[in-house]
Amino acid sequence: MNIEFLLSECAEFDKDFDNIDPKNLSDFGVEIRYPDDMYNPDQN
């Protein structure tokens, strides 16, 4: 699955998902979700 497909599926229930640009998503959400990797974000 890809993010564009998931956004379109979610938009069927909540039109706010149409306003999300997947190019603006960062790796932070993925990295922090898996705590075993001990991701430490920088201050930027």
Protein backbone atom coordinates (compact mmCIF):
# COMPACT_ATOMS: atom_id res chain seq x y z
CA MET A 1 0.00 0.00 0.00
CA ASN A 2 1.06 3.57 -0.51
CA ILE A 3 0.29 6.75 1.35
CA GLU A 4 -1.73 8.29 -1.49
CA PHE A 5 -4.07 5.30 -1.49
CA LEU A 6 -4.48 5.43 2.29
CA LEU A 7 -5.19 9.16 2.21
CA SER A 8 -7.86 8.69 -0.45
CA GLU A 9 -9.48 5.90 1.55
CA CYS A 10 -9.52 8.05 4.70
CA ALA A 11 -10.90 11.02 2.74
CA GLU A 12 -14.06 9.02 2.06
CA PHE A 13 -14.83 9.35 5.78
CA ASP A 14 -13.16 12.68 6.56
CA LYS A 15 -12.58 15.26 3.81
CA ASP A 16 -9.74 16.85 5.83
CA PHE A 17 -7.53 14.07 4.49
CA ASP A 18 -7.80 15.66 1.03
CA ASN A 19 -5.73 18.57 2.36
CA ILE A 20 -2.75 16.44 3.43
CA ASP A 21 0.24 16.62 1.11
CA PRO A 22 2.19 13.38 1.55
CA LYS A 23 5.36 15.14 0.37
CA ASN A 24 5.28 17.15 3.60
CA LEU A 25 5.32 14.08 5.82
CA SER A 26 8.60 13.39 7.57
CA ASP A 27 10.35 10.22 8.70
CA PHE A 28 9.92 11.35 12.32
CA GLY A 29 6.50 9.73 12.68
CA VAL A 30 7.81 6.39 11.46
CA GLU A 31 11.06 6.49 13.40
CA ILE A 32 9.50 7.45 16.74
CA ARG A 33 6.85 4.75 16.44
CA TYR A 34 9.42 2.00 16.83
CA PRO A 35 11.07 2.67 20.20
CA ASP A 36 13.62 -0.14 19.91
CA ASP A 37 15.54 2.04 17.49
CA MET A 38 15.92 4.76 20.17
CA TYR A 39 15.46 7.64 17.74
CA ASN A 40 16.67 10.94 19.19
CA PRO A 41 15.36 13.92 17.15
CA ASP A 42 17.65 16.87 16.70
CA GLN A 43 16.68 20.40 17.71
CA ASN A 44 16.12 21.64 14.15
